[in-house]
C-alpha atoms as a PDB file:
ATOM      1  CA  MET A   1       1.191  31.462   4.391  1.00  0.00           C
ATOM      2  CA  ASN A   2      -1.968  31.751   2.334  1.00  0.00           C
ATOM      3  CA  TRP A   3      -3.588  28.375   2.974  1.00  0.00           C
ATOM      4  CA  LEU A   4      -6.571  29.078   0.747  1.00  0.00           C
ATOM      5  CA  MET A   5      -4.307  29.760  -2.219  1.00  0.00           C
ATOM      6  CA  ILE A   6      -2.190  26.678  -1.473  1.00  0.00           C
ATOM      7  CA  LEU A   7      -5.226  24.423  -1.252  1.00  0.00           C
ATOM      8  CA  LYS A   8      -6.635  25.939  -4.444  1.00  0.00           C
ATOM      9  CA  ASP A   9      -3.387  25.194  -6.293  1.00  0.00           C
ATOM     10  CA  PHE A  10      -3.283  21.700  -4.773  1.00  0.00           C
ATOM     11  CA  SER A  11      -6.842  21.054  -5.974  1.00  0.00           C
ATOM     12  CA  LEU A  12      -6.159  22.363  -9.492  1.00  0.00           C
ATOM     13  CA  LEU A  13      -3.094  20.111  -9.790  1.00  0.00           C
ATOM     14  CA  ASN A  14      -4.748  16.981  -8.411  1.00  0.00           C
ATOM     15  CA  ILE A  15      -8.398  17.015  -9.435  1.00  0.00           C
ATOM     16  CA  PHE A  16      -7.584  15.521 -12.844  1.00  0.00           C
ATOM     17  CA  PRO A  17      -5.515  12.489 -11.677  1.00  0.00           C
ATOM     18  CA  LEU A  18      -7.980  11.931  -8.816  1.00  0.00           C
ATOM     19  CA  LEU A  19     -10.936  11.733 -11.205  1.00  0.00           C
ATOM     20  CA  VAL A  20      -9.116   9.660 -13.785  1.00  0.00           C
ATOM     21  CA  GLY A  21      -7.896   7.154 -11.151  1.00  0.00           C
ATOM     22  CA  PHE A  22     -11.392   6.866  -9.785  1.00  0.00           C
ATOM     23  CA  ALA A  23     -13.260   6.753 -13.088  1.00  0.00           C
ATOM     24  CA  VAL A  24     -11.084   4.174 -14.828  1.00  0.00           C
ATOM     25  CA  THR A  25     -11.156   1.875 -11.790  1.00  0.00           C
ATOM     26  CA  ALA A  26     -14.913   2.251 -11.315  1.00  0.00           C
ATOM     27  CA  VAL A  27     -15.702   1.730 -14.994  1.00  0.00           C
ATOM     28  CA  LEU A  28     -13.522  -1.389 -15.205  1.00  0.00           C
ATOM     29  CA  GLY A  29     -15.352  -3.091 -12.329  1.00  0.00           C
ATOM     30  CA  PRO A  30     -18.631  -4.123 -14.066  1.00  0.00           C
ATOM     31  CA  PHE A  31     -16.635  -5.617 -16.954  1.00  0.00           C
ATOM     32  CA  PHE A  32     -13.623  -7.013 -15.194  1.00  0.00           C
ATOM     33  CA  ILE A  33     -15.333  -8.782 -12.257  1.00  0.00           C
ATOM     34  CA  PRO A  34     -17.689 -10.900 -14.417  1.00  0.00           C
ATOM     35  CA  TRP A  35     -14.671 -11.815 -16.556  1.00  0.00           C
ATOM     36  CA  LEU A  36     -12.830 -13.033 -13.430  1.00  0.00           C
ATOM     37  CA  HIS A  37     -15.938 -15.075 -12.577  1.00  0.00           C
ATOM     38  CA  LYS A  38     -15.973 -16.554 -16.052  1.00  0.00           C
ATOM     39  CA  LEU A  39     -12.331 -17.560 -15.733  1.00  0.00           C
ATOM     40  CA  LYS A  40     -13.083 -19.005 -12.271  1.00  0.00           C
ATOM     41  CA  PHE A  41     -10.375 -16.852 -10.697  1.00  0.00           C
ATOM     42  CA  GLY A  42     -11.949 -17.273  -7.261  1.00  0.00           C
ATOM     43  CA  GLN A  43     -10.113 -16.904  -3.966  1.00  0.00           C
ATOM     44  CA  GLU A  44      -9.570 -20.059  -1.920  1.00  0.00           C
ATOM     45  CA  ILE A  45     -10.062 -19.221   1.777  1.00  0.00           C
ATOM     46  CA  ARG A  46      -7.477 -20.784   4.092  1.00  0.00           C
ATOM     47  CA  GLU A  47      -8.908 -23.057   6.784  1.00  0.00           C
ATOM     48  CA  GLU A  48      -6.703 -21.423   9.435  1.00  0.00           C
ATOM     49  CA  GLY A  49      -8.785 -18.235   9.248  1.00  0.00           C
ATOM     50  CA  PRO A  50     -12.132 -17.507  10.887  1.00  0.00           C
ATOM     51  CA  LYS A  51     -14.673 -20.155   9.930  1.00  0.00           C
ATOM     52  CA  TRP A  52     -17.236 -17.596   8.755  1.00  0.00           C
ATOM     53  CA  HIS A  53     -14.769 -16.423   6.087  1.00  0.00           C
ATOM     54  CA  GLN A  54     -15.396 -19.686   4.215  1.00  0.00           C
ATOM     55  CA  LYS A  55     -18.506 -18.132   2.692  1.00  0.00           C
ATOM     56  CA  LYS A  56     -16.142 -15.775   0.808  1.00  0.00           C
ATOM     57  CA  SER A  57     -14.598 -18.717  -1.034  1.00  0.00           C
ATOM     58  CA  GLY A  58     -14.922 -18.220  -4.769  1.00  0.00           C
ATOM     59  CA  THR A  59     -14.986 -14.413  -4.626  1.00  0.00           C
ATOM     60  CA  PRO A  60     -12.873 -13.232  -7.567  1.00  0.00           C
ATOM     61  CA  THR A  61      -9.317 -12.135  -6.749  1.00  0.00           C
ATOM     62  CA  MET A  62      -6.665 -10.223  -8.746  1.00  0.00           C
ATOM     63  CA  GLY A  63      -8.973  -7.189  -8.538  1.00  0.00           C
ATOM     64  CA  GLY A  64      -5.886  -5.078  -7.938  1.00  0.00           C
ATOM     65  CA  ILE A  65      -5.499  -5.013 -11.719  1.00  0.00           C
ATOM     66  CA  MET A  66      -8.464  -2.626 -11.772  1.00  0.00           C
ATOM     67  CA  PHE A  67      -6.911   0.092  -9.690  1.00  0.00           C
ATOM     68  CA  ILE A  68      -3.406  -0.499 -11.043  1.00  0.00           C
ATOM     69  CA  ALA A  69      -4.870   0.303 -14.462  1.00  0.00           C
ATOM     70  CA  GLY A  70      -6.764   3.300 -13.074  1.00  0.00           C
ATOM     71  CA  ILE A  71      -3.720   4.715 -11.289  1.00  0.00           C
ATOM     72  CA  GLY A  72      -1.592   4.059 -14.364  1.00  0.00           C
ATOM     73  CA  ALA A  73      -4.061   5.907 -16.589  1.00  0.00           C
ATOM     74  CA  ALA A  74      -4.056   8.868 -14.179  1.00  0.00           C
ATOM     75  CA  VAL A  75      -0.267   8.999 -13.981  1.00  0.00           C
ATOM     76  CA  ILE A  76       0.334   8.682 -17.727  1.00  0.00           C
ATOM     77  CA  ALA A  77      -2.431  11.113 -18.659  1.00  0.00           C
ATOM     78  CA  THR A  78      -1.085  13.679 -16.193  1.00  0.00           C
ATOM     79  CA  VAL A  79       2.470  13.271 -17.465  1.00  0.00           C
ATOM     80  CA  ILE A  80       1.252  13.812 -21.061  1.00  0.00           C
ATOM     81  CA  LEU A  81      -0.868  16.809 -20.025  1.00  0.00           C
ATOM     82  CA  THR A  82       2.060  18.317 -18.106  1.00  0.00           C
ATOM     83  CA  ALA A  83       4.321  17.795 -21.157  1.00  0.00           C
ATOM     84  CA  VAL A  84       1.781  19.529 -23.427  1.00  0.00           C
ATOM     85  CA  LYS A  85       1.750  22.494 -21.090  1.00  0.00           C
ATOM     86  CA  GLY A  86       5.528  22.577 -21.215  1.00  0.00           C
ATOM     87  CA  ASN A  87       5.924  22.006 -17.504  1.00  0.00           C
ATOM     88  CA  LEU A  88       7.323  18.457 -17.616  1.00  0.00           C
ATOM     89  CA  ASP A  89      10.777  18.040 -16.070  1.00  0.00           C
ATOM     90  CA  SER A  90      12.995  15.223 -14.850  1.00  0.00           C
ATOM     91  CA  ASP A  91      11.875  15.740 -11.234  1.00  0.00           C
ATOM     92  CA  PHE A  92       8.213  15.219 -12.184  1.00  0.00           C
ATOM     93  CA  ILE A  93       9.105  11.988 -13.995  1.00  0.00           C
ATOM     94  CA  LYS A  94      11.249  10.803 -11.059  1.00  0.00           C
ATOM     95  CA  THR A  95       8.527  11.444  -8.518  1.00  0.00           C
ATOM     96  CA  CYS A  96       5.466  10.397 -10.539  1.00  0.00           C
ATOM     97  CA  LEU A  97       6.253   7.976 -13.319  1.00  0.00           C
ATOM     98  CA  LEU A  98       9.145   6.077 -11.686  1.00  0.00           C
ATOM     99  CA  PRO A  99       7.224   5.245  -8.482  1.00  0.00           C
ATOM    100  CA  TYR A 100       4.350   3.882 -10.561  1.00  0.00           C
ATOM    101  CA  LEU A 101       6.632   1.702 -12.680  1.00  0.00           C
ATOM    102  CA  ILE A 102       8.398   0.217  -9.639  1.00  0.00           C
ATOM    103  CA  ALA A 103       5.078  -0.368  -7.860  1.00  0.00           C
ATOM    104  CA  LEU A 104       3.833  -1.984 -11.074  1.00  0.00           C
ATOM    105  CA  GLY A 105       6.755  -4.393 -10.872  1.00  0.00           C
ATOM    106  CA  PHE A 106       5.691  -5.415  -7.381  1.00  0.00           C
ATOM    107  CA  GLY A 107       2.142  -5.806  -8.685  1.00  0.00           C
ATOM    108  CA  ILE A 108       3.463  -8.225 -11.299  1.00  0.00           C
ATOM    109  CA  ILE A 109       5.124 -10.273  -8.569  1.00  0.00           C
ATOM    110  CA  GLY A 110       1.754 -10.347  -6.781  1.00  0.00           C
ATOM    111  CA  PHE A 111       0.042 -11.333 -10.023  1.00  0.00           C
ATOM    112  CA  VAL A 112       2.390 -14.319 -10.420  1.00  0.00           C
ATOM    113  CA  ASP A 113       1.634 -15.297  -6.840  1.00  0.00           C
ATOM    114  CA  ASP A 114      -2.127 -15.007  -7.411  1.00  0.00           C
ATOM    115  CA  TYR A 115      -1.918 -16.889 -10.676  1.00  0.00           C
ATOM    116  CA  ILE A 116      -0.177 -19.822  -9.000  1.00  0.00           C
ATOM    117  CA  LYS A 117      -2.802 -19.860  -6.247  1.00  0.00           C
ATOM    118  CA  VAL A 118      -5.816 -19.598  -8.535  1.00  0.00           C
ATOM    119  CA  VAL A 119      -4.822 -21.402 -11.727  1.00  0.00           C
ATOM    120  CA  LYS A 120      -2.234 -23.831 -10.449  1.00  0.00           C
ATOM    121  CA  LYS A 121      -4.367 -24.480  -7.320  1.00  0.00           C
ATOM    122  CA  ARG A 122      -1.431 -24.006  -4.904  1.00  0.00           C
ATOM    123  CA  ASN A 123      -3.075 -22.009  -2.124  1.00  0.00           C
ATOM    124  CA  LEU A 124       0.182 -20.590  -0.747  1.00  0.00           C
ATOM    125  CA  GLY A 125       1.401 -19.364  -4.156  1.00  0.00           C
ATOM    126  CA  LEU A 126       5.064 -18.479  -4.455  1.00  0.00           C
ATOM    127  CA  THR A 127       7.322 -19.749  -1.677  1.00  0.00           C
ATOM    128  CA  ALA A 128       8.453 -17.243   0.940  1.00  0.00           C
ATOM    129  CA  ILE A 129      12.055 -17.245  -0.321  1.00  0.00           C
ATOM    130  CA  GLN A 130      10.907 -16.720  -3.929  1.00  0.00           C
ATOM    131  CA  LYS A 131       8.775 -13.741  -2.975  1.00  0.00           C
ATOM    132  CA  PHE A 132      11.536 -12.275  -0.805  1.00  0.00           C
ATOM    133  CA  LEU A 133      14.206 -12.540  -3.490  1.00  0.00           C
ATOM    134  CA  MET A 134      11.926 -11.069  -6.162  1.00  0.00           C
ATOM    135  CA  GLN A 135      10.895  -8.188  -3.912  1.00  0.00           C
ATOM    136  CA  LEU A 136      14.489  -7.517  -2.811  1.00  0.00           C
ATOM    137  CA  GLY A 137      15.671  -7.584  -6.404  1.00  0.00           C
ATOM    138  CA  LEU A 138      13.059  -5.021  -7.471  1.00  0.00           C
ATOM    139  CA  ALA A 139      13.881  -2.843  -4.474  1.00  0.00           C
ATOM    140  CA  VAL A 140      17.535  -2.891  -5.586  1.00  0.00           C
ATOM    141  CA  VAL A 141      16.408  -1.832  -9.065  1.00  0.00           C
ATOM    142  CA  TYR A 142      14.611   1.157  -7.559  1.00  0.00           C
ATOM    143  CA  VAL A 143      17.634   2.225  -5.511  1.00  0.00           C
ATOM    144  CA  GLY A 144      19.800   1.794  -8.604  1.00  0.00           C
ATOM    145  CA  ALA A 145      17.427   3.956 -10.630  1.00  0.00           C
ATOM    146  CA  LEU A 146      17.624   6.705  -8.020  1.00  0.00           C
ATOM    147  CA  TYR A 147      21.422   6.541  -8.132  1.00  0.00           C
ATOM    148  CA  LEU A 148      21.545   6.739 -11.928  1.00  0.00           C
ATOM    149  CA  LEU A 149      19.151   9.699 -11.855  1.00  0.00           C
ATOM    150  CA  GLY A 150      21.321  11.449  -9.275  1.00  0.00           C
ATOM    151  CA  ALA A 151      18.425  11.348  -6.813  1.00  0.00           C
ATOM    152  CA  LEU A 152      19.817   9.043  -4.132  1.00  0.00           C
ATOM    153  CA  GLU A 153      19.780  11.343  -1.148  1.00  0.00           C
ATOM    154  CA  THR A 154      20.457   9.843   2.291  1.00  0.00           C
ATOM    155  CA  ASP A 155      18.598  12.348   4.452  1.00  0.00           C
ATOM    156  CA  ILE A 156      15.779  11.195   6.776  1.00  0.00           C
ATOM    157  CA  TYR A 157      13.334  13.172   8.859  1.00  0.00           C
ATOM    158  CA  ILE A 158      12.424  12.277  12.437  1.00  0.00           C
ATOM    159  CA  PRO A 159       8.997  13.183  13.863  1.00  0.00           C
ATOM    160  CA  PHE A 160       8.988  16.357  15.980  1.00  0.00           C
ATOM    161  CA  VAL A 161      12.689  17.009  15.275  1.00  0.00           C
ATOM    162  CA  ARG A 162      13.729  19.989  13.170  1.00  0.00           C
ATOM    163  CA  GLY A 163      15.921  19.328  10.183  1.00  0.00           C
ATOM    164  CA  ALA A 164      17.033  16.099   8.548  1.00  0.00           C
ATOM    165  CA  PHE A 165      19.641  13.574   9.581  1.00  0.00           C
ATOM    166  CA  THR A 166      22.074  12.363   6.964  1.00  0.00           C
ATOM    167  CA  LEU A 167      22.938   8.667   7.028  1.00  0.00           C
ATOM    168  CA  PRO A 168      26.081   7.208   5.405  1.00  0.00           C
ATOM    169  CA  VAL A 169      25.293   5.530   2.096  1.00  0.00           C
ATOM    170  CA  TRP A 170      26.429   2.107   3.355  1.00  0.00           C
ATOM    171  CA  LEU A 171      23.737   2.317   6.066  1.00  0.00           C
ATOM    172  CA  TYR A 172      21.018   4.146   4.130  1.00  0.00           C
ATOM    173  CA  ILE A 173      20.790   1.670   1.223  1.00  0.00           C
ATOM    174  CA  PRO A 174      20.108  -1.439   3.396  1.00  0.00           C
ATOM    175  CA  PHE A 175      17.673   0.696   5.415  1.00  0.00           C
ATOM    176  CA  VAL A 176      15.710   1.624   2.301  1.00  0.00           C
ATOM    177  CA  LEU A 177      15.675  -1.967   1.051  1.00  0.00           C
ATOM    178  CA  PHE A 178      14.367  -3.079   4.454  1.00  0.00           C
ATOM    179  CA  VAL A 179      11.656  -0.384   4.345  1.00  0.00           C
ATOM    180  CA  ILE A 180      10.440  -1.411   0.912  1.00  0.00           C
ATOM    181  CA  VAL A 181      10.311  -5.159   1.516  1.00  0.00           C
ATOM    182  CA  GLY A 182       8.919  -4.669   5.044  1.00  0.00           C
ATOM    183  CA  VAL A 183       6.118  -2.312   4.041  1.00  0.00           C
ATOM    184  CA  VAL A 184       5.161  -4.405   0.998  1.00  0.00           C
ATOM    185  CA  ASN A 185       4.619  -7.447   3.171  1.00  0.00           C
ATOM    186  CA  ALA A 186       2.947  -5.451   5.929  1.00  0.00           C
ATOM    187  CA  VAL A 187       0.300  -4.115   3.533  1.00  0.00           C
ATOM    188  CA  ASN A 188      -0.111  -7.660   2.203  1.00  0.00           C
ATOM    189  CA  LEU A 189      -0.963  -8.889   5.711  1.00  0.00           C
ATOM    190  CA  THR A 190      -3.410  -5.993   6.174  1.00  0.00           C
ATOM    191  CA  ASP A 191      -5.414  -7.192   3.179  1.00  0.00           C
ATOM    192  CA  GLY A 192      -7.502  -9.673   5.153  1.00  0.00           C
ATOM    193  CA  LEU A 193     -10.904  -8.040   5.500  1.00  0.00           C
ATOM    194  CA  ASP A 194     -13.273  -6.521   2.936  1.00  0.00           C
ATOM    195  CA  GLY A 195     -12.098  -2.987   2.244  1.00  0.00           C
ATOM    196  CA  LEU A 196      -9.463  -2.849   4.989  1.00  0.00           C
ATOM    197  CA  ALA A 197      -6.236  -2.402   3.017  1.00  0.00           C
ATOM    198  CA  ALA A 198      -7.935  -0.160   0.440  1.00  0.00           C
ATOM    199  CA  THR A 199      -9.504   2.164   3.051  1.00  0.00           C
ATOM    200  CA  VAL A 200      -6.392   2.482   5.227  1.00  0.00           C
ATOM    201  CA  THR A 201      -4.235   3.083   2.144  1.00  0.00           C
ATOM    202  CA  ALA A 202      -6.659   5.715   0.860  1.00  0.00           C
ATOM    203  CA  VAL A 203      -6.107   7.688   4.053  1.00  0.00           C
ATOM    204  CA  VAL A 204      -2.313   7.267   3.787  1.00  0.00           C
ATOM    205  CA  ALA A 205      -2.383   8.324   0.119  1.00  0.00           C
ATOM    206  CA  LEU A 206      -4.268  11.565   0.916  1.00  0.00           C
ATOM    207  CA  PHE A 207      -1.766  12.347   3.658  1.00  0.00           C
ATOM    208  CA  MET A 208       1.184  11.697   1.313  1.00  0.00           C
ATOM    209  CA  SER A 209      -0.323  13.851  -1.432  1.00  0.00           C
ATOM    210  CA  LEU A 210      -0.897  16.814   0.885  1.00  0.00           C
ATOM    211  CA  THR A 211       2.530  16.406   2.462  1.00  0.00           C
ATOM    212  CA  ALA A 212       4.272  16.106  -0.876  1.00  0.00           C
ATOM    213  CA  TYR A 213       2.696  19.302  -2.238  1.00  0.00           C
ATOM    214  CA  ILE A 214       2.375  21.573   0.771  1.00  0.00           C
ATOM    215  CA  ILE A 215       5.470  20.705   2.816  1.00  0.00           C
ATOM    216  CA  PHE A 216       7.937  19.406   0.258  1.00  0.00           C
ATOM    217  CA  GLY A 217       6.729  21.078  -2.955  1.00  0.00           C
ATOM    218  CA  SER A 218       6.803  17.803  -4.942  1.00  0.00           C
ATOM    219  CA  GLN A 219       4.089  18.032  -7.590  1.00  0.00           C
ATOM    220  CA  GLY A 220       4.938  14.698  -9.172  1.00  0.00           C
ATOM    221  CA  LEU A 221       4.631  12.683  -5.969  1.00  0.00           C
ATOM    222  CA  SER A 222       1.489  14.588  -5.032  1.00  0.00           C
ATOM    223  CA  VAL A 223      -0.080  13.486  -8.331  1.00  0.00           C
ATOM    224  CA  PHE A 224       1.020   9.879  -7.876  1.00  0.00           C
ATOM    225  CA  SER A 225      -0.400   9.808  -4.346  1.00  0.00           C
ATOM    226  CA  ILE A 226      -3.715  11.376  -5.295  1.00  0.00           C
ATOM    227  CA  ALA A 227      -4.044   8.954  -8.214  1.00  0.00           C
ATOM    228  CA  ILE A 228      -3.808   6.134  -5.633  1.00  0.00           C
ATOM    229  CA  LEU A 229      -6.565   7.795  -3.612  1.00  0.00           C
ATOM    230  CA  GLY A 230      -8.780   7.946  -6.701  1.00  0.00           C
ATOM    231  CA  GLY A 231      -8.046   4.294  -7.486  1.00  0.00           C
ATOM    232  CA  MET A 232      -8.890   3.244  -3.927  1.00  0.00           C
ATOM    233  CA  ILE A 233     -12.193   5.113  -3.920  1.00  0.00           C
ATOM    234  CA  GLY A 234     -13.133   3.476  -7.204  1.00  0.00           C
ATOM    235  CA  PHE A 235     -12.075   0.053  -5.995  1.00  0.00           C
ATOM    236  CA  LEU A 236     -14.018   0.337  -2.741  1.00  0.00           C
ATOM    237  CA  ILE A 237     -17.243   0.424  -4.755  1.00  0.00           C
ATOM    238  CA  PHE A 238     -16.631  -3.274  -5.288  1.00  0.00           C
ATOM    239  CA  ASN A 239     -14.342  -4.183  -2.391  1.00  0.00           C
ATOM    240  CA  ARG A 240     -16.256  -2.783   0.591  1.00  0.00           C
ATOM    241  CA  TYR A 241     -18.195  -5.284   2.691  1.00  0.00           C
ATOM    242  CA  PRO A 242     -19.534  -7.576   1.353  1.00  0.00           C
ATOM    243  CA  ALA A 243     -16.738  -7.608  -1.219  1.00  0.00           C
ATOM    244  CA  LYS A 244     -17.531  -8.484  -4.827  1.00  0.00           C
ATOM    245  CA  VAL A 245     -13.809  -8.734  -5.605  1.00  0.00           C
ATOM    246  CA  PHE A 246     -10.532  -8.992  -3.686  1.00  0.00           C
ATOM    247  CA  MET A 247      -7.373  -7.066  -4.669  1.00  0.00           C
ATOM    248  CA  GLY A 248      -5.196 -10.164  -4.175  1.00  0.00           C
ATOM    249  CA  ASP A 249      -1.427 -10.017  -3.865  1.00  0.00           C
ATOM    250  CA  THR A 250      -1.516  -8.240  -7.226  1.00  0.00           C
ATOM    251  CA  GLY A 251      -3.055  -5.219  -5.505  1.00  0.00           C
ATOM    252  CA  SER A 252      -1.569  -5.420  -2.010  1.00  0.00           C
ATOM    253  CA  LEU A 253       2.038  -5.698  -3.203  1.00  0.00           C
ATOM    254  CA  PHE A 254       1.470  -2.772  -5.572  1.00  0.00           C
ATOM    255  CA  LEU A 255       0.048  -0.659  -2.728  1.00  0.00           C
ATOM    256  CA  GLY A 256       2.780  -1.681  -0.308  1.00  0.00           C
ATOM    257  CA  ALA A 257       5.495  -0.655  -2.744  1.00  0.00           C
ATOM    258  CA  SER A 258       3.653   2.622  -3.453  1.00  0.00           C
ATOM    259  CA  VAL A 259       3.438   3.536   0.230  1.00  0.00           C
ATOM    260  CA  ALA A 260       7.123   2.677   0.814  1.00  0.00           C
ATOM    261  CA  ILE A 261       8.317   4.639  -2.243  1.00  0.00           C
ATOM    262  CA  MET A 262       6.235   7.688  -1.323  1.00  0.00           C
ATOM    263  CA  ALA A 263       7.821   7.768   2.115  1.00  0.00           C
ATOM    264  CA  ILE A 264      11.330   7.185   0.742  1.00  0.00           C
ATOM    265  CA  ASP A 265      10.937   9.940  -1.835  1.00  0.00           C
ATOM    266  CA  LEU A 266       9.872  12.401   0.849  1.00  0.00           C
ATOM    267  CA  LYS A 267      12.545  11.143   3.281  1.00  0.00           C
ATOM    268  CA  ILE A 268       9.877  10.388   5.880  1.00  0.00           C
ATOM    269  CA  GLU A 269      10.491   6.646   6.238  1.00  0.00           C
ATOM    270  CA  ILE A 270      10.444   6.902  10.050  1.00  0.00           C
ATOM    271  CA  TYR A 271       7.033   8.552   9.872  1.00  0.00           C
ATOM    272  CA  LEU A 272       5.658   5.295   8.531  1.00  0.00           C
ATOM    273  CA  ILE A 273       5.713   4.073  12.126  1.00  0.00           C
ATOM    274  CA  LEU A 274       2.872   6.527  12.729  1.00  0.00           C
ATOM    275  CA  VAL A 275       1.239   6.863   9.282  1.00  0.00           C
ATOM    276  CA  GLY A 276       1.419   3.127   8.652  1.00  0.00           C
ATOM    277  CA  PHE A 277       0.768   2.063  12.222  1.00  0.00           C
ATOM    278  CA  ILE A 278      -1.998  -0.338  11.182  1.00  0.00           C
ATOM    279  CA  TYR A 279       0.290  -2.079   8.679  1.00  0.00           C
ATOM    280  CA  PHE A 280       2.929  -2.608  11.348  1.00  0.00           C
ATOM    281  CA  ALA A 281       0.425  -3.641  13.990  1.00  0.00           C
ATOM    282  CA  GLU A 282      -0.753  -6.366  11.638  1.00  0.00           C
ATOM    283  CA  THR A 283       2.829  -7.514  11.039  1.00  0.00           C
ATOM    284  CA  PHE A 284       4.013  -7.450  14.619  1.00  0.00           C
ATOM    285  CA  SER A 285       0.934  -9.280  15.832  1.00  0.00           C
ATOM    286  CA  VAL A 286       1.959 -12.181  13.601  1.00  0.00           C
ATOM    287  CA  ILE A 287       5.603 -12.010  14.770  1.00  0.00           C
ATOM    288  CA  ILE A 288       4.580 -11.882  18.437  1.00  0.00           C
ATOM    289  CA  GLN A 289       2.069 -14.709  18.039  1.00  0.00           C
ATOM    290  CA  THR A 290       4.484 -16.976  16.194  1.00  0.00           C
ATOM    291  CA  THR A 291       7.413 -16.297  18.516  1.00  0.00           C
ATOM    292  CA  TYR A 292       5.395 -16.759  21.698  1.00  0.00           C
ATOM    293  CA  PHE A 293       3.790 -19.949  20.360  1.00  0.00           C
ATOM    294  CA  LYS A 294       7.139 -21.501  19.549  1.00  0.00           C
ATOM    295  CA  TYR A 295       8.654 -20.426  22.851  1.00  0.00           C
ATOM    296  CA  THR A 296       5.797 -21.816  24.974  1.00  0.00           C
ATOM    297  CA  LYS A 297       5.677 -25.029  22.966  1.00  0.00           C
ATOM    298  CA  LYS A 298       9.361 -25.596  23.609  1.00  0.00           C
ATOM    299  CA  LYS A 299       9.125 -24.657  27.274  1.00  0.00           C
ATOM    300  CA  TYR A 300       5.747 -26.146  28.286  1.00  0.00           C
ATOM    301  CA  GLY A 301       5.179 -28.775  25.612  1.00  0.00           C
ATOM    302  CA  GLU A 302       2.206 -26.912  24.142  1.00  0.00           C
ATOM    303  CA  GLY A 303       1.989 -23.690  22.223  1.00  0.00           C
ATOM    304  CA  ARG A 304       0.175 -20.713  23.761  1.00  0.00           C
ATOM    305  CA  ARG A 305      -1.136 -17.602  22.106  1.00  0.00           C
ATOM    306  CA  VAL A 306      -1.146 -13.895  22.924  1.00  0.00           C
ATOM    307  CA  PHE A 307      -3.952 -13.087  20.457  1.00  0.00           C
ATOM    308  CA  LYS A 308      -7.017 -15.133  19.618  1.00  0.00           C
ATOM    309  CA  MET A 309      -5.903 -15.106  15.964  1.00  0.00           C
ATOM    310  CA  THR A 310      -3.529 -13.152  13.783  1.00  0.00           C
ATOM    311  CA  PRO A 311      -3.093 -10.893  11.862  1.00  0.00           C
ATOM    312  CA  ILE A 312      -4.653  -8.684  14.514  1.00  0.00           C
ATOM    313  CA  HIS A 313      -7.794  -7.822  12.538  1.00  0.00           C
ATOM    314  CA  HIS A 314      -8.818 -11.483  13.016  1.00  0.00           C
ATOM    315  CA  HIS A 315      -8.276 -11.090  16.781  1.00  0.00           C
ATOM    316  CA  PHE A 316     -10.888  -8.338  16.851  1.00  0.00           C
ATOM    317  CA  GLU A 317     -13.199 -10.455  14.702  1.00  0.00           C
ATOM    318  CA  MET A 318     -12.875 -13.231  17.275  1.00  0.00           C
ATOM    319  CA  CYS A 319     -13.719 -10.666  19.976  1.00  0.00           C
ATOM    320  CA  GLY A 320     -17.063  -9.987  18.251  1.00  0.00           C
ATOM    321  CA  TRP A 321     -16.255  -6.969  16.079  1.00  0.00           C
ATOM    322  CA  ASN A 322     -17.772  -7.108  12.598  1.00  0.00           C
ATOM    323  CA  GLU A 323     -15.679  -6.322   9.521  1.00  0.00           C
ATOM    324  CA  LYS A 324     -17.176  -2.875   8.912  1.00  0.00           C
ATOM    325  CA  LYS A 325     -16.405  -1.815  12.485  1.00  0.00           C
ATOM    326  CA  ILE A 326     -12.791  -2.974  12.241  1.00  0.00           C
ATOM    327  CA  VAL A 327     -12.273  -1.151   8.939  1.00  0.00           C
ATOM    328  CA  ARG A 328     -13.838   1.999  10.352  1.00  0.00           C
ATOM    329  CA  ILE A 329     -11.774   1.968  13.587  1.00  0.00           C
ATOM    330  CA  PHE A 330      -8.484   1.093  11.845  1.00  0.00           C
ATOM    331  CA  SER A 331      -9.050   3.877   9.298  1.00  0.00           C
ATOM    332  CA  LEU A 332      -9.847   6.426  12.005  1.00  0.00           C
ATOM    333  CA  ILE A 333      -6.663   5.422  13.846  1.00  0.00           C
ATOM    334  CA  THR A 334      -4.715   5.924  10.641  1.00  0.00           C
ATOM    335  CA  ALA A 335      -6.325   9.354  10.044  1.00  0.00           C
ATOM    336  CA  ALA A 336      -5.562  10.454  13.612  1.00  0.00           C
ATOM    337  CA  LEU A 337      -1.935   9.373  13.346  1.00  0.00           C
ATOM    338  CA  CYS A 338      -1.617  11.173  10.010  1.00  0.00           C
ATOM    339  CA  VAL A 339      -2.683  14.351  11.780  1.00  0.00           C
ATOM    340  CA  VAL A 340      -0.092  13.717  14.477  1.00  0.00           C
ATOM    341  CA  SER A 341       2.542  13.177  11.791  1.00  0.00           C
ATOM    342  CA  TRP A 342       1.545  16.418  10.079  1.00  0.00           C
ATOM    343  CA  PHE A 343       2.193  18.346  13.298  1.00  0.00           C
ATOM    344  CA  GLY A 344       5.430  16.388  13.690  1.00  0.00           C
ATOM    345  CA  MET A 345       6.600  17.834  10.375  1.00  0.00           C
ATOM    346  CA  THR A 346       5.595  21.406  11.091  1.00  0.00           C
ATOM    347  CA  VAL A 347       7.143  21.900  14.528  1.00  0.00           C
END
């Protein structure tokens, strides 16, 4: 295998969507953030969080619109360019345009949630059941679209195991729905520190793009993934500590859906346990904390905690780690586990 030639072809395919995703997001920032300030679309910081986060109150939210626009511009421009070259086929549309449109739907759910929080002044936004039903409904739409396109394949790959396992349709469909809704909410929980969700997802997006092109030969998904990387780099100009803008649920739900769909398209849903370890660590820390608190309150009359605060990034804050250190360590863990996953696919 000529790795230099493969990497050259990968770069030629992806340099355009990477630059467009980055440039559009970066250019939007200086115009969009002041506009959010003008509309007073500031984030209300929950009192349950670390006290020093209160200084972030009023920081504009809904910044996810910036990179959603950047990624969309990259995807649409690449689709048009591919069509002009005469290379556009149904597979490219299925693996590039469809994932963006479904992720956009989740971003709209997040936008509604943010709008209620910011404009209607209801800090918790949509109710849990409303968000769940909307997310589940959109996940069903995605599975239905795959079925209509003849692309609903029930194979899954297991790390360090050769070949794929085929699940029965009656088991695979609920599994995929669970993955989508679970990952969407896991990424949402990860978005609790300046630059955390964006940086971790940038690493995941690079891994997905390389995996899609080099291992599975999916140009469309590779383009979609690299567009996300470009959007994240552009967004981090404004979202890194100290953040000038937050992505809000608008951005985190879009990213969560994107990560889930990329894994589903490549049939590497199980690999998300490694690649998305940080997302799941954030989620399970909340589950463990809540379950243990309720159990000890019932048994001893007072609730006890496993962690100082959850999601787990707050636990490390309470232990004295600053935000930049947590983002750096969590991103390095993600990168290391992406390397492990790569070897798990090439055994």
